[in-house]
Amino acid sequence: MTGKTELSGGPSLPQERRVVTAVPGPKSQELMARKQASVANGIGTVLPVFARRAGGGVLEDVDGNSFIDFGSGIAVTSVGNSAEAVVRRATEQLNDFTHTCAMVVPYEPYVQVCEELAKVTPGDHEKKSALFNSGAEAVENAVKIARAHTGRQAVVVFDHGYHGRTNLTMALTSKNMPYKHSFGPFAPEVYRVPVAYPYRWLTGPENCAEEAAAQAIDQITKQIGPDNVAAIIIEPVLGEGGFIVPAKGFLPRIQQFAQDNGIVFVADEIQSGFCRTGQWFACEDEGLVPDLITTAKGIAGGMPLAAVTGRADIMDSAHSGGLGGTYGGNPVACAAALGSIETMRELDLPAKARRIEEVMKPRLEKLAEKSDIIGDVRGRGAMLAIELVKPGGKEPDPEATAALAKACHQQGLLVLTTGTYGNVVRFLPPLVIGEDLLNEGLDVLEEAVSGL
């Protein structure tokens, strides 16, 4: 990884941090007033500025401030906000046609994306895919496919998991606020079991994998019955729950239990997939080959696209016409995905993600040694996080977390918060970010932590 960014938002977008007004500036404040008057209050805002341009490792607002981007639109713009191949392919497709509906008149880009997914996802078995618009749609359709394949109804998910905002995926999601509060009742036949969360496992991280797996399997066996379970769904690195990396050994044991009982094992790689963790998919870290894998976010360089990919016999369980949607696999989004995958290969973005970890993680660990509010540093590749706690223990400190994020924002660094307890700062830089920006962003973070 070089010190400069390979891809940017064009030659006129300087790859630099620049704060020239208050944050938010006057133009952003004017636009925010318009937003409040016309946009539903349920659409929140992390950083109250309005984007004008973005690319490489920066985001420029309408007031001329330039922020180092440690968010990537929540792990979406891994190849940058305007990668050349994404823009080129999407533009070419726009010039041909924008829509026919793949269920009415199909088109080659849809097929090409499914072919590429068969190549890049884990396993050498025969695979098929179906394309959708969002991660939540992908998860919901994975459940449909698993139920059709098994003839069963129950779905097992895990503590701290996040799977979307539709009615079914809200039921699958662990965190109440802001995702579920006041929106029930939720879909039935969803069951939640423990996950191996090393930092918060009561008997210590060394016992975490074995004990958590045993508890999860025991609960499934006693409370549901394996013969009633259609699918077990888990994020190989849990995203909105706080970038929790399950203790080694936990995921293989859960997958083996699924295989032994004819349960479809689904890896939700919507946030962790497409090179983000230093591999094409996070489940590869322990050699997992899921029956189904759900993807979205990083798949198409910012265009709305999602997929379910899996064993051909399972994917073909749904009857003709049972899967789809008017916009699912939109031709422009498919073209963008082909450009995104092309970029990932050409720039070897898994290696870029590993290099980001090599730069960031040691500095975060040194910062944790000096700060009594950082309880844990975790993650892989360019999916890293710090968990903030009150000094002297492990009590979550969401107030300090919010203050830290705001301090970073004021100094031109975009970071995101997350976690079941709202006490995790997550780092998701574009995989094409320059190393100079990466280190400068860490400088801003260190200064912000020291000011708390």
Protein backbone atom coordinates (compact mmCIF):
# COMPACT_ATOMS: atom_id res chain seq x y z
CA MET A 1 0.00 0.00 0.00
CA THR A 2 1.51 3.29 -1.03
CA GLY A 3 1.33 6.53 0.87
CA LYS A 4 -0.97 8.04 -1.76
CA THR A 5 -4.46 7.02 -2.75
CA GLU A 6 -4.73 5.02 -5.97
CA LEU A 7 -8.33 6.02 -6.66
CA SER A 8 -10.00 9.34 -5.96
CA GLY A 9 -12.99 11.39 -6.91
CA GLY A 10 -11.13 12.71 -9.92
CA PRO A 11 -7.94 14.76 -10.13
CA SER A 12 -9.64 17.87 -8.73
CA LEU A 13 -10.41 16.27 -5.35
CA PRO A 14 -7.38 16.76 -3.09
CA GLN A 15 -6.68 13.85 -0.77
CA GLU A 16 -6.34 15.94 2.37
CA ARG A 17 -8.08 16.80 5.64
CA ARG A 18 -9.28 20.38 5.61
CA VAL A 19 -11.52 22.21 8.11
CA VAL A 20 -12.31 25.75 6.96
CA THR A 21 -15.61 26.43 8.78
CA ALA A 22 -17.36 25.31 11.90
CA VAL A 23 -18.75 21.79 11.62
CA PRO A 24 -21.45 22.01 10.38
CA GLY A 25 -20.80 25.05 8.21
CA PRO A 26 -23.41 27.60 7.10
CA LYS A 27 -24.39 25.86 3.86
CA SER A 28 -24.81 22.54 5.64
CA GLN A 29 -26.90 24.25 8.30
CA GLU A 30 -29.18 25.69 5.62
CA LEU A 31 -29.58 22.28 4.02
CA MET A 32 -30.22 20.68 7.40
CA ALA A 33 -33.08 23.10 7.97
CA ARG A 34 -34.55 22.03 4.64
CA LYS A 35 -34.05 18.37 5.55
CA GLN A 36 -35.86 18.82 8.86
CA ALA A 37 -38.78 20.45 7.04
CA SER A 38 -39.16 17.79 4.35
CA VAL A 39 -37.51 14.53 5.45
CA ALA A 40 -39.00 12.22 8.09
CA ASN A 41 -37.36 12.52 11.50
CA GLY A 42 -36.69 8.77 11.52
CA ILE A 43 -33.91 9.33 8.97
CA GLY A 44 -31.09 10.26 11.32
CA THR A 45 -27.70 11.83 10.61
CA VAL A 46 -24.29 10.85 11.99
CA LEU A 47 -22.28 13.83 10.72
CA PRO A 48 -24.51 16.89 10.13
CA VAL A 49 -22.78 18.08 6.96
CA PHE A 50 -23.89 17.64 3.35
CA ALA A 51 -21.60 15.94 0.88
CA ARG A 52 -20.54 17.61 -2.35
CA ARG A 53 -17.83 15.26 -3.58
CA ALA A 54 -16.13 12.14 -2.27
CA GLY A 55 -13.47 9.72 -3.38
CA GLY A 56 -10.32 7.92 -2.36
CA GLY A 57 -10.05 8.52 1.36
CA VAL A 58 -11.92 11.82 1.76
CA LEU A 59 -15.40 13.31 1.75
CA GLU A 60 -15.84 17.01 0.92
CA ASP A 61 -18.87 18.94 2.15
CA VAL A 62 -20.75 21.86 0.62
CA ASP A 63 -18.80 24.35 2.79
CA GLY A 64 -15.43 23.16 1.51
CA ASN A 65 -14.48 21.05 4.53
CA SER A 66 -12.71 17.81 3.66
CA PHE A 67 -13.06 14.88 6.06
CA ILE A 68 -10.86 11.81 6.26
CA ASP A 69 -13.32 8.97 5.74
CA PHE A 70 -13.16 6.18 8.30
CA GLY A 71 -16.74 5.10 7.52
CA SER A 72 -17.01 4.24 3.79
CA GLY A 73 -20.77 4.80 3.90
CA ILE A 74 -20.92 1.91 6.41
CA ALA A 75 -18.52 -0.42 4.57
CA VAL A 76 -20.01 0.30 1.13
CA THR A 77 -17.39 2.33 -0.75
CA SER A 78 -14.51 -0.07 -0.23
CA VAL A 79 -13.21 0.68 -3.74
CA GLY A 80 -13.74 4.42 -3.21
CA ASN A 81 -16.76 6.61 -3.88
CA SER A 82 -16.04 6.99 -7.59
CA ALA A 83 -13.78 4.15 -8.67
CA GLU A 84 -12.90 4.39 -12.36
CA ALA A 85 -14.15 0.92 -13.30
CA VAL A 86 -17.42 1.40 -11.40
CA VAL A 87 -18.12 4.75 -13.03
CA ARG A 88 -17.10 3.53 -16.50
CA ARG A 89 -19.18 0.39 -16.47
CA ALA A 90 -22.22 2.04 -14.86
CA THR A 91 -22.07 4.91 -17.38
CA GLU A 92 -21.90 2.51 -20.31
CA GLN A 93 -24.92 0.66 -18.98
CA LEU A 94 -26.81 3.92 -18.39
CA ASN A 95 -26.29 4.77 -22.04
CA ASP A 96 -27.82 1.43 -23.08
CA PHE A 97 -30.82 1.15 -20.73
CA THR A 98 -31.65 1.69 -17.06
CA HIS A 99 -34.27 -1.00 -16.50
CA THR A 100 -36.28 -3.80 -18.03
CA CYS A 101 -36.92 -5.83 -14.83
CA ALA A 102 -34.87 -9.00 -14.78
CA MET A 103 -38.05 -11.05 -14.29
CA VAL A 104 -39.60 -9.60 -17.46
CA VAL A 105 -36.69 -9.31 -19.90
CA PRO A 106 -33.33 -10.48 -18.51
CA TYR A 107 -29.93 -9.01 -19.40
CA GLU A 108 -26.33 -10.18 -19.39
CA PRO A 109 -24.96 -8.07 -16.47
CA TYR A 110 -27.27 -9.93 -14.05
CA VAL A 111 -25.88 -13.26 -15.22
CA GLN A 112 -22.30 -11.93 -15.12
CA VAL A 113 -22.64 -10.84 -11.49
CA CYS A 114 -23.98 -14.27 -10.52
CA GLU A 115 -21.06 -15.89 -12.35
CA GLU A 116 -18.58 -13.67 -10.49
CA LEU A 117 -20.23 -14.45 -7.15
CA ALA A 118 -19.82 -18.16 -7.83
CA LYS A 119 -16.10 -17.56 -8.37
CA VAL A 120 -15.32 -15.35 -5.37
CA THR A 121 -17.47 -16.87 -2.61
CA PRO A 122 -16.05 -19.76 -0.54
CA GLY A 123 -16.25 -23.34 -1.76
CA ASP A 124 -15.78 -25.11 -5.09
CA HIS A 125 -19.26 -26.66 -5.22
CA GLU A 126 -21.86 -25.72 -7.82
CA LYS A 127 -23.40 -22.37 -6.89
CA LYS A 128 -26.25 -20.14 -7.95
CA SER A 129 -27.28 -16.63 -6.90
CA ALA A 130 -30.30 -14.35 -6.76
CA LEU A 131 -29.95 -10.57 -6.73
CA PHE A 132 -31.85 -8.03 -4.64
CA ASN A 133 -31.64 -4.38 -3.56
CA SER A 134 -30.54 -4.38 0.09
CA GLY A 135 -28.90 -6.50 2.73
CA ALA A 136 -32.18 -6.95 4.57
CA GLU A 137 -33.80 -8.28 1.40
CA ALA A 138 -30.92 -10.72 0.95
CA VAL A 139 -31.29 -12.07 4.49
CA GLU A 140 -35.06 -12.32 4.17
CA ASN A 141 -34.73 -14.25 0.93
CA ALA A 142 -32.10 -16.54 2.45
CA VAL A 143 -34.71 -17.46 5.06
CA LYS A 144 -37.29 -18.10 2.34
CA ILE A 145 -34.88 -20.34 0.47
CA ALA A 146 -33.87 -22.26 3.61
CA ARG A 147 -37.50 -22.84 4.57
CA ALA A 148 -38.34 -24.04 1.08
CA HIS A 149 -35.35 -26.38 1.09
CA THR A 150 -35.89 -27.90 4.52
CA GLY A 151 -39.66 -27.73 4.92
CA ARG A 152 -39.00 -26.29 8.39
CA GLN A 153 -39.86 -22.92 9.91
CA ALA A 154 -37.58 -22.00 12.83
CA VAL A 155 -34.64 -19.62 12.35
CA VAL A 156 -31.78 -19.32 14.85
CA VAL A 157 -29.78 -16.12 15.27
CA PHE A 158 -27.33 -14.83 17.88
CA ASP A 159 -26.97 -12.24 20.61
CA HIS A 160 -25.61 -8.92 19.29
CA GLY A 161 -26.52 -9.84 15.71
CA TYR A 162 -27.91 -7.37 13.18
CA HIS A 163 -29.66 -8.44 9.98
CA GLY A 164 -31.83 -5.54 8.78
CA ARG A 165 -34.86 -3.29 9.22
CA THR A 166 -37.71 -5.18 7.52
CA ASN A 167 -40.22 -6.90 9.79
CA LEU A 168 -38.56 -10.31 9.56
CA THR A 169 -35.01 -8.96 9.81
CA MET A 170 -35.96 -6.77 12.77
CA ALA A 171 -37.04 -9.98 14.47
CA LEU A 172 -33.64 -11.46 13.61
CA THR A 173 -31.80 -8.38 14.91
CA SER A 174 -30.73 -8.34 18.55
CA LYS A 175 -30.60 -4.61 19.34
CA ASN A 176 -33.81 -2.80 20.28
CA MET A 177 -32.86 0.89 19.92
CA PRO A 178 -32.97 2.30 17.31
CA TYR A 179 -33.79 -0.68 15.10
CA LYS A 180 -36.83 -2.31 16.75
CA HIS A 181 -38.26 0.08 19.33
CA SER A 182 -42.02 0.70 18.81
CA PHE A 183 -42.13 -1.25 15.50
CA GLY A 184 -43.51 -4.62 16.67
CA PRO A 185 -45.05 -7.16 16.63
CA PHE A 186 -42.35 -9.05 14.79
CA ALA A 187 -42.26 -12.21 12.70
CA PRO A 188 -42.53 -15.46 14.68
CA GLU A 189 -40.32 -18.58 14.76
CA VAL A 190 -37.11 -16.65 15.45
CA TYR A 191 -34.88 -17.85 18.29
CA ARG A 192 -31.79 -16.16 19.77
CA VAL A 193 -28.83 -17.95 21.34
CA PRO A 194 -25.48 -16.84 22.87
CA VAL A 195 -22.51 -15.78 20.77
CA ALA A 196 -18.83 -16.12 21.70
CA TYR A 197 -18.04 -12.48 22.67
CA PRO A 198 -14.53 -12.81 24.13
CA TYR A 199 -14.32 -9.42 25.88
CA ARG A 200 -17.59 -9.89 27.75
CA TRP A 201 -17.63 -13.66 28.34
CA LEU A 202 -18.03 -14.07 32.10
CA THR A 203 -15.55 -16.92 32.55
CA GLY A 204 -12.93 -15.30 30.33
CA PRO A 205 -11.97 -15.36 26.65
CA GLU A 206 -10.08 -18.65 26.96
CA ASN A 207 -13.35 -20.49 27.70
CA CYS A 208 -15.51 -18.45 25.39
CA ALA A 209 -15.69 -20.54 22.21
CA GLU A 210 -16.37 -23.88 23.86
CA GLU A 211 -18.85 -22.61 26.44
CA ALA A 212 -20.77 -20.35 24.07
CA ALA A 213 -21.11 -23.08 21.45
CA ALA A 214 -22.25 -25.58 24.07
CA GLN A 215 -24.84 -23.15 25.41
CA ALA A 216 -26.12 -22.27 21.95
CA ILE A 217 -26.43 -25.89 20.89
CA ASP A 218 -28.08 -26.83 24.19
CA GLN A 219 -30.69 -24.08 23.81
CA ILE A 220 -31.44 -25.06 20.22
CA THR A 221 -31.77 -28.71 21.18
CA LYS A 222 -33.97 -28.15 24.24
CA GLN A 223 -36.06 -25.14 23.26
CA ILE A 224 -36.60 -25.62 19.52
CA GLY A 225 -35.49 -29.06 18.40
CA PRO A 226 -32.95 -29.30 15.56
CA ASP A 227 -35.51 -31.00 13.31
CA ASN A 228 -37.57 -27.81 13.38
CA VAL A 229 -34.73 -25.43 12.41
CA ALA A 230 -34.56 -24.26 8.81
CA ALA A 231 -31.54 -21.96 9.13
CA ILE A 232 -28.84 -20.76 11.47
CA ILE A 233 -27.77 -17.23 10.50
CA ILE A 234 -24.65 -15.49 11.82
CA GLU A 235 -22.32 -12.66 10.87
CA PRO A 236 -18.74 -14.05 10.87
CA VAL A 237 -17.78 -10.66 12.34
CA LEU A 238 -20.80 -9.11 14.04
CA GLY A 239 -21.24 -5.59 12.72
CA GLU A 240 -23.82 -3.41 14.43
CA GLY A 241 -23.39 -5.46 17.61
CA GLY A 242 -19.93 -3.96 18.01
CA PHE A 243 -17.50 -5.56 15.52
CA ILE A 244 -17.41 -8.67 17.68
CA VAL A 245 -15.03 -11.32 16.36
CA PRO A 246 -16.32 -14.65 17.74
CA ALA A 247 -13.71 -16.65 19.62
CA LYS A 248 -11.81 -19.10 17.42
CA GLY A 249 -13.55 -22.43 17.17
CA PHE A 250 -17.07 -21.15 17.81
CA LEU A 251 -18.16 -20.74 14.19
CA PRO A 252 -16.88 -24.15 13.00
CA ARG A 253 -18.67 -25.89 15.85
CA ILE A 254 -21.95 -24.14 15.06
CA GLN A 255 -21.59 -24.97 11.39
CA GLN A 256 -20.87 -28.63 12.18
CA PHE A 257 -24.01 -28.78 14.32
CA ALA A 258 -25.98 -27.35 11.41
CA GLN A 259 -24.54 -29.91 8.98
CA ASP A 260 -25.21 -32.79 11.36
CA ASN A 261 -28.87 -31.80 11.62
CA GLY A 262 -29.73 -30.81 8.07
CA ILE A 263 -29.89 -27.10 8.95
CA VAL A 264 -28.96 -24.48 6.34
CA PHE A 265 -25.93 -22.52 7.61
CA VAL A 266 -26.11 -18.90 6.44
CA ALA A 267 -23.15 -16.50 6.67
CA ASP A 268 -24.35 -12.88 6.73
CA GLU A 269 -21.37 -11.14 5.08
CA ILE A 270 -23.21 -7.94 4.27
CA GLN A 271 -20.83 -5.72 6.27
CA SER A 272 -17.80 -8.02 6.49
CA GLY A 273 -17.65 -9.23 2.89
CA PHE A 274 -15.83 -8.17 -0.26
CA CYS A 275 -12.27 -7.84 1.03
CA ARG A 276 -13.16 -5.84 4.15
CA THR A 277 -11.50 -8.17 6.69
CA GLY A 278 -8.41 -8.98 4.64
CA GLN A 279 -10.01 -11.90 2.82
CA TRP A 280 -12.74 -11.86 0.20
CA PHE A 281 -15.12 -13.03 2.94
CA ALA A 282 -14.67 -13.11 6.69
CA CYS A 283 -15.84 -16.72 7.03
CA GLU A 284 -12.68 -17.81 5.17
CA ASP A 285 -10.61 -17.05 8.28
CA GLU A 286 -11.58 -20.41 9.80
CA GLY A 287 -12.17 -22.20 6.53
CA LEU A 288 -15.95 -22.03 6.70
CA VAL A 289 -17.92 -22.82 3.55
CA PRO A 290 -21.49 -21.69 4.24
CA ASP A 291 -24.51 -23.23 2.55
CA LEU A 292 -25.75 -19.72 1.76
CA ILE A 293 -23.94 -16.38 1.94
CA THR A 294 -25.67 -12.98 1.90
CA THR A 295 -23.88 -9.95 0.50
CA ALA A 296 -24.58 -6.27 -0.15
CA LYS A 297 -22.76 -3.04 0.92
CA GLY A 298 -19.31 -3.40 -0.69
CA ILE A 299 -20.57 -5.39 -3.67
CA ALA A 300 -21.23 -2.50 -6.09
CA GLY A 301 -19.20 0.55 -5.12
CA GLY A 302 -22.20 2.43 -3.72
CA MET A 303 -24.96 1.30 -6.06
CA PRO A 304 -27.90 -0.59 -4.46
CA LEU A 305 -27.34 -4.31 -4.95
CA ALA A 306 -27.47 -7.41 -2.76
CA ALA A 307 -27.25 -11.13 -3.30
CA VAL A 308 -27.88 -14.57 -1.89
CA THR A 309 -25.33 -17.07 -3.17
CA GLY A 310 -25.24 -20.72 -2.25
CA ARG A 311 -25.31 -24.38 -3.06
CA ALA A 312 -27.22 -24.84 -6.29
CA ASP A 313 -29.54 -27.50 -4.90
CA ILE A 314 -30.53 -25.24 -2.00
CA MET A 315 -30.90 -22.14 -4.14
CA ASP A 316 -33.12 -24.04 -6.57
CA SER A 317 -35.53 -25.06 -3.77
CA ALA A 318 -37.68 -21.97 -4.31
CA HIS A 319 -40.27 -22.35 -7.07
CA SER A 320 -40.10 -20.29 -10.26
CA GLY A 321 -41.43 -16.81 -9.53
CA GLY A 322 -40.91 -17.23 -5.80
CA LEU A 323 -37.85 -14.99 -5.71
CA GLY A 324 -37.29 -11.57 -7.22
CA GLY A 325 -38.48 -7.99 -7.09
CA THR A 326 -39.04 -5.17 -9.52
CA TYR A 327 -35.62 -3.56 -9.08
CA GLY A 328 -33.63 -6.59 -7.90
CA GLY A 329 -30.41 -6.88 -9.89
CA ASN A 330 -30.89 -3.52 -11.64
CA PRO A 331 -28.66 -3.45 -14.75
CA VAL A 332 -26.78 -0.28 -13.72
CA ALA A 333 -26.12 -1.69 -10.25
CA CYS A 334 -24.94 -4.95 -11.81
CA ALA A 335 -22.55 -3.06 -14.09
CA ALA A 336 -21.22 -1.19 -11.06
CA ALA A 337 -20.70 -4.49 -9.23
CA LEU A 338 -18.67 -5.84 -12.12
CA GLY A 339 -16.52 -2.71 -11.95
CA SER A 340 -16.18 -3.05 -8.19
CA ILE A 341 -15.08 -6.70 -8.40
CA GLU A 342 -12.68 -5.79 -11.22
CA THR A 343 -11.13 -3.12 -8.99
CA MET A 344 -10.86 -5.48 -6.02
CA ARG A 345 -8.91 -7.94 -8.14
CA GLU A 346 -6.69 -5.43 -9.92
CA LEU A 347 -5.67 -3.61 -6.72
CA ASP A 348 -5.62 -6.77 -4.57
CA LEU A 349 -7.89 -5.16 -2.01
CA PRO A 350 -7.67 -8.06 0.47
CA ALA A 351 -3.98 -7.21 0.77
CA LYS A 352 -4.85 -3.52 1.14
CA ALA A 353 -7.19 -4.39 4.01
CA ARG A 354 -4.47 -6.42 5.72
CA ARG A 355 -2.08 -3.50 5.36
CA ILE A 356 -4.65 -1.17 6.92
CA GLU A 357 -4.79 -3.51 9.91
CA GLU A 358 -0.98 -3.52 10.11
CA VAL A 359 -1.00 0.28 10.33
CA MET A 360 -4.06 0.82 12.50
CA LYS A 361 -4.20 -1.99 15.01
CA PRO A 362 -0.83 -1.46 16.72
CA ARG A 363 -1.59 2.24 17.12
CA LEU A 364 -5.03 1.49 18.54
CA GLU A 365 -3.51 -1.02 20.96
CA LYS A 366 -0.90 1.52 22.12
CA LEU A 367 -3.68 4.06 22.58
CA ALA A 368 -5.61 1.54 24.68
CA GLU A 369 -2.56 1.01 26.89
CA LYS A 370 -2.44 4.73 27.64
CA SER A 371 -6.19 5.27 28.02
CA ASP A 372 -8.30 3.78 30.81
CA ILE A 373 -11.50 4.24 28.82
CA ILE A 374 -10.59 1.86 25.99
CA GLY A 375 -11.48 -1.62 27.21
CA ASP A 376 -10.91 -3.59 24.02
CA VAL A 377 -9.37 -3.31 20.57
CA ARG A 378 -10.62 -5.83 18.03
CA GLY A 379 -11.40 -6.63 14.44
CA ARG A 380 -9.63 -7.80 11.31
CA GLY A 381 -8.42 -6.06 8.19
CA ALA A 382 -10.15 -2.74 7.67
CA MET A 383 -13.00 -3.66 10.03
CA LEU A 384 -11.60 -2.53 13.39
CA ALA A 385 -13.07 -1.11 16.59
CA ILE A 386 -12.43 0.13 20.09
CA GLU A 387 -14.88 -0.51 22.92
CA LEU A 388 -15.17 2.31 25.47
CA VAL A 389 -15.86 1.62 29.13
CA LYS A 390 -15.92 3.53 32.37
CA PRO A 391 -12.51 3.45 34.10
CA GLY A 392 -11.89 0.55 36.44
CA GLY A 393 -14.20 -2.01 34.89
CA LYS A 394 -16.19 -3.04 31.84
CA GLU A 395 -19.29 -0.89 32.27
CA PRO A 396 -20.16 0.47 28.82
CA ASP A 397 -19.71 4.22 28.36
CA PRO A 398 -21.94 5.37 25.47
CA GLU A 399 -21.62 9.02 26.54
CA ALA A 400 -17.85 9.00 26.14
CA THR A 401 -18.26 7.18 22.85
CA ALA A 402 -20.58 9.86 21.48
CA ALA A 403 -18.25 12.60 22.74
CA LEU A 404 -15.26 10.96 21.09
CA ALA A 405 -17.04 10.66 17.75
CA LYS A 406 -18.13 14.30 17.90
CA ALA A 407 -14.60 15.46 18.72
CA CYS A 408 -13.28 13.54 15.71
CA HIS A 409 -15.95 15.04 13.47
CA GLN A 410 -15.08 18.56 14.56
CA GLN A 411 -11.47 17.98 13.54
CA GLY A 412 -12.22 16.54 10.13
CA LEU A 413 -12.31 12.79 10.79
CA LEU A 414 -15.49 10.85 10.03
CA VAL A 415 -15.95 7.91 12.40
CA LEU A 416 -19.01 5.83 13.22
CA THR A 417 -20.28 4.46 16.51
CA THR A 418 -21.91 1.07 16.97
CA GLY A 419 -22.45 -1.72 19.48
CA THR A 420 -25.32 -3.23 21.43
CA TYR A 421 -24.49 -0.84 24.28
CA GLY A 422 -23.64 2.12 22.02
CA ASN A 423 -20.06 2.16 23.29
CA VAL A 424 -18.00 1.11 20.28
CA VAL A 425 -16.22 3.31 17.75
CA ARG A 426 -15.76 1.42 14.49
CA PHE A 427 -13.28 2.08 11.72
CA LEU A 428 -14.17 1.23 8.12
CA PRO A 429 -11.81 3.23 5.89
CA PRO A 430 -12.02 2.77 2.12
CA LEU A 431 -9.59 0.04 1.14
CA VAL A 432 -7.99 2.46 -1.33
CA ILE A 433 -7.22 5.11 1.29
CA GLY A 434 -3.70 6.54 1.25
CA GLU A 435 -1.48 5.58 4.16
CA ASP A 436 -0.79 9.24 4.82
CA LEU A 437 -4.49 9.86 5.44
CA LEU A 438 -4.73 6.72 7.52
CA ASN A 439 -2.03 7.89 9.89
CA GLU A 440 -3.36 11.44 10.01
CA GLY A 441 -6.77 10.12 10.94
CA LEU A 442 -5.23 8.12 13.78
CA ASP A 443 -3.46 11.29 14.96
CA VAL A 444 -6.83 13.03 15.18
CA LEU A 445 -8.31 10.06 17.05
CA GLU A 446 -5.46 9.99 19.57
CA GLU A 447 -5.84 13.70 20.25
CA ALA A 448 -9.60 13.30 20.68
CA VAL A 449 -9.15 10.44 23.16
CA SER A 450 -6.66 12.46 25.20
CA GLY A 451 -9.20 15.28 25.41
CA LEU A 452 -11.92 13.17 27.03
